[in-house]
Each structure stands twice: as C-alpha cells, then as structure tokens.
Protein backbone atom coordinates (compact mmCIF):
# COMPACT_ATOMS: atom_id res chain seq x y z
CA UNK A 1 11.90 -30.85 17.20
CA UNK A 2 10.83 -33.44 14.51
CA UNK A 3 7.48 -31.86 13.48
CA UNK A 4 9.80 -28.42 12.85
CA UNK A 5 12.03 -30.23 10.71
CA UNK A 6 9.16 -31.86 8.61
CA UNK A 7 7.42 -27.81 8.33
CA UNK A 8 10.82 -26.73 7.06
CA UNK A 9 10.87 -29.38 4.75
CA UNK A 10 7.38 -28.35 3.83
CA UNK A 11 8.27 -24.85 3.89
CA UNK A 12 11.54 -25.39 1.50
CA UNK A 13 9.24 -27.34 -0.93
CA UNK A 14 6.40 -24.91 -1.45
CA UNK A 15 8.69 -21.95 -1.35
CA UNK A 16 10.31 -23.35 -4.33
CA UNK A 17 7.08 -24.39 -5.77
CA UNK A 18 5.28 -20.91 -4.89
CA UNK A 19 8.34 -18.90 -5.95
CA UNK A 20 6.61 -18.64 -9.80
CA UNK A 21 3.46 -17.09 -7.91
CA UNK A 22 5.73 -14.51 -5.89
CA UNK A 23 7.54 -13.86 -9.07
CA UNK A 24 4.37 -13.39 -10.80
CA UNK A 25 2.93 -11.15 -8.18
CA UNK A 26 5.95 -8.30 -8.15
CA UNK A 27 5.33 -8.36 -11.97
CA UNK A 28 2.14 -7.54 -11.40
CA UNK A 29 3.03 -5.05 -9.00
CA UNK A 30 5.55 -3.45 -11.33
CA UNK A 31 2.79 -3.07 -13.78
CA UNK A 32 0.25 -1.73 -11.50
CA UNK A 33 3.30 0.58 -9.83
CA UNK A 34 4.00 3.01 -12.86
CA UNK A 35 0.50 4.21 -13.28
CA UNK A 36 0.02 4.77 -9.67
CA UNK A 37 3.13 6.64 -9.01
CA UNK A 38 1.80 8.83 -12.36
CA UNK A 39 -1.85 9.58 -11.12
CA UNK A 40 -2.41 8.30 -7.54
CA UNK A 41 0.52 9.32 -5.84
CA UNK A 42 0.79 13.47 -6.21
CA UNK A 43 -3.20 13.63 -5.64
CA UNK A 44 -2.15 11.77 -2.24
CA UNK A 45 0.62 13.50 -1.30
CA UNK A 46 -1.43 16.66 -2.02
CA UNK A 47 -3.93 15.41 0.59
CA UNK A 48 -1.35 14.45 3.74
CA UNK A 49 0.69 16.30 5.55
CA UNK A 50 4.11 17.37 4.83
CA UNK A 51 5.54 15.64 7.45
CA UNK A 52 4.36 11.96 6.06
CA UNK A 53 5.14 13.20 2.61
CA UNK A 54 8.30 10.30 2.70
CA UNK A 55 5.63 7.46 3.73
CA UNK A 56 3.16 7.69 0.57
CA UNK A 57 5.31 5.82 -1.57
CA UNK A 58 5.85 2.80 0.95
CA UNK A 59 2.38 2.70 1.98
CA UNK A 60 1.20 2.27 -2.25
CA UNK A 61 4.17 0.17 -2.48
CA UNK A 62 2.69 -2.41 0.23
CA UNK A 63 -1.04 -1.82 -1.10
CA UNK A 64 -0.22 -2.54 -4.51
CA UNK A 65 1.84 -5.50 -3.58
CA UNK A 66 -0.79 -6.97 -1.48
CA UNK A 67 -3.26 -5.84 -4.38
CA UNK A 68 -0.46 -7.86 -6.52
CA UNK A 69 -0.45 -11.03 -4.28
CA UNK A 70 -3.89 -11.55 -4.30
CA UNK A 71 -4.48 -11.49 -8.06
CA UNK A 72 -1.22 -13.57 -8.41
CA UNK A 73 -2.89 -16.21 -5.61
CA UNK A 74 -5.77 -16.31 -8.08
CA UNK A 75 -4.46 -16.87 -10.82
CA UNK A 76 -2.65 -19.63 -9.18
CA UNK A 77 -5.75 -21.09 -7.76
CA UNK A 78 -7.45 -20.58 -11.09
CA UNK A 79 -4.18 -23.06 -12.46
CA UNK A 80 -4.16 -25.39 -10.23
CA UNK A 81 -7.86 -25.80 -10.27
CA UNK A 82 -7.75 -26.76 -14.53
CA UNK A 83 -4.29 -29.06 -13.96
CA UNK A 84 -6.36 -31.31 -11.12
CA UNK A 85 -9.36 -31.07 -12.89
CA UNK A 86 -7.23 -32.41 -16.44
CA UNK A 87 -5.23 -35.06 -13.77
CA UNK A 88 -9.04 -36.18 -12.28
CA UNK A 89 -10.56 -36.15 -15.11
CA UNK A 90 -7.72 -38.65 -17.03
CA UNK A 91 -8.09 -40.83 -13.76
CA UNK A 92 -12.09 -41.00 -14.12
CA UNK A 93 -12.20 -42.34 -17.51
CA UNK A 94 -9.40 -44.94 -17.02
CA UNK A 95 -11.48 -46.42 -13.80
CA UNK A 96 -14.75 -46.14 -16.13
CA UNK A 97 -13.18 -47.83 -18.64
CA UNK A 98 -11.58 -50.77 -16.18
CA UNK A 99 -14.80 -51.02 -14.62
CA UNK A 100 -16.84 -51.48 -17.76
CA UNK A 101 -14.40 -54.21 -18.92
CA UNK A 102 -14.57 -56.15 -15.71
CA UNK A 103 -18.20 -56.26 -15.88
CA UNK A 104 -17.72 -57.89 -19.49
CA UNK A 105 -18.07 -54.47 -22.24
CA UNK A 106 -15.61 -56.48 -24.01
CA UNK A 107 -16.08 -53.44 -26.85
CA UNK A 108 -14.00 -51.01 -24.71
CA UNK A 109 -9.78 -51.69 -25.89
CA UNK A 110 -7.21 -50.92 -23.16
CA UNK A 111 -6.19 -47.71 -22.23
CA UNK A 112 -2.81 -48.42 -23.75
CA UNK A 113 -4.04 -49.10 -27.17
CA UNK A 114 -6.48 -46.49 -27.59
CA UNK A 115 -7.01 -42.78 -26.91
CA UNK A 116 -11.00 -42.52 -26.03
CA UNK A 117 -9.43 -42.34 -22.32
CA UNK A 118 -7.96 -38.97 -23.34
CA UNK A 119 -11.20 -37.94 -25.38
CA UNK A 120 -13.40 -38.69 -22.42
CA UNK A 121 -11.12 -36.93 -19.87
CA UNK A 122 -11.62 -33.59 -21.52
CA UNK A 123 -15.35 -33.88 -20.93
CA UNK A 124 -14.83 -34.70 -17.04
CA UNK A 125 -12.47 -32.47 -16.62
CA UNK A 126 -14.65 -29.74 -18.53
CA UNK A 127 -17.27 -30.47 -15.60
CA UNK A 128 -14.90 -30.46 -12.92
CA UNK A 129 -13.11 -27.14 -13.78
CA UNK A 130 -16.94 -25.94 -14.44
CA UNK A 131 -18.15 -27.14 -11.12
CA UNK A 132 -14.83 -26.00 -9.31
CA UNK A 133 -15.42 -22.23 -10.92
CA UNK A 134 -19.38 -22.33 -10.03
CA UNK A 135 -18.05 -22.96 -6.56
CA UNK A 136 -15.50 -19.91 -6.72
CA UNK A 137 -12.92 -22.69 -6.06
CA UNK A 138 -14.23 -22.78 -2.31
CA UNK A 139 -15.24 -26.05 -0.36
CA UNK A 140 -19.31 -26.41 -0.74
CA UNK A 141 -22.10 -25.96 2.82
CA UNK A 142 -21.86 -29.41 4.77
CA UNK A 143 -18.23 -29.86 4.05
CA UNK A 144 -17.02 -26.20 4.63
CA UNK A 145 -17.83 -26.93 8.31
CA UNK A 146 -15.99 -30.13 8.53
CA UNK A 147 -12.87 -29.22 6.47
CA UNK A 148 -12.43 -25.48 7.79
CA UNK A 149 -9.14 -26.84 10.02
CA UNK A 150 -7.76 -27.23 6.45
CA UNK A 151 -8.88 -24.01 4.89
CA UNK A 152 -7.31 -22.43 8.04
CA UNK A 153 -3.69 -24.26 7.61
CA UNK A 154 -3.90 -23.62 3.79
CA UNK A 155 -4.02 -20.18 4.15
CA UNK A 156 -1.73 -19.68 7.27
CA UNK A 157 0.88 -22.14 4.89
CA UNK A 158 0.12 -19.38 2.25
CA UNK A 159 0.94 -16.35 4.49
CA UNK A 160 3.96 -18.28 5.30
CA UNK A 161 5.58 -18.89 2.43
CA UNK A 162 4.65 -15.62 1.10
CA UNK A 163 5.41 -13.19 3.73
CA UNK A 164 8.15 -14.59 5.28
CA UNK A 165 11.80 -15.28 4.47
CA UNK A 166 13.18 -17.35 7.25
CA UNK A 167 11.58 -19.92 9.54
C-alpha cells in the first residue's frame, strides 16, 4: 500500500511537470490536423468503404496525436538535455576550481568572486550537450545493458503519465 501511495505522489508531480509537454503535443496535433483534414482525409474516405467513413476522422485523430506526442517528447528530451548539460557544466567548472585551489593554485579566485566558473561551464555544457546529441540521447553500449530496467521504467512512466488520466 505504501508503494502505491509513493507512486501516486510521483505520478501527480510528473503529471504537473509534463503537462506542458502534453499541451505542446496537443498544439502540434491541432496544427497538423488542419492540412490532414483538408488534403488527406478526403482521399482516405474515397478509399475506405462507406460503412467505415465515420471512423476515418477518429483514426486520423489518433494517428496525428501519436505523432504529435512523439514530436513533443523529443522536443522535451532536447530541452531536458540542454538543461542538464548547463547544470552539469556549472557543477563541473566549480568542482575543478575547488580542486585546483586545494592543490595550491592560488591564482584561481573563489567562485563567488568571479565569472570564470560560469564561462568555463558554457564550454562543459556545450561538450555535454554535443555528447548527448551524438548519442541521440540514448545510453551508450556497455551501460545500456546494465541500465535497461531504468530505461524500461522511464518509458512506462512516460506512457502512464501521457495516456492515463486516473491511477
């Protein structure tokens, strides 16, 4: 019972956090829906038997929303990767500055007195984002075998937050 309660709390937080992703997906779907209704739907309705005509808009709506959700999740992945790269770059530059100061590099000022840590963090952030981009935001080879349960859990959480209204 306590695991279910924790899951409800996590799901509620994630539902709020990913509401903008879902909102973005619905906006993309609305944008895609207009040209599909105008150009693709009449063609499909000609090809489909008359008794199934009423299902063409429904099925097209599902397909459009699925495509839009995939696009929105990809955009959110890029945003999350950029955010984590910036945070990681700042942590890395500050840690290096502390490490060098501990080893006697007295010419490096404390991070509160300078902007060097922020400037260096941009370099680390760019490198980190580029690394994630080249891997297509996937986990690289030896780690993907070790971390596959976490990836599976991530996809299940995404699906749950995106598709279910009640828990």
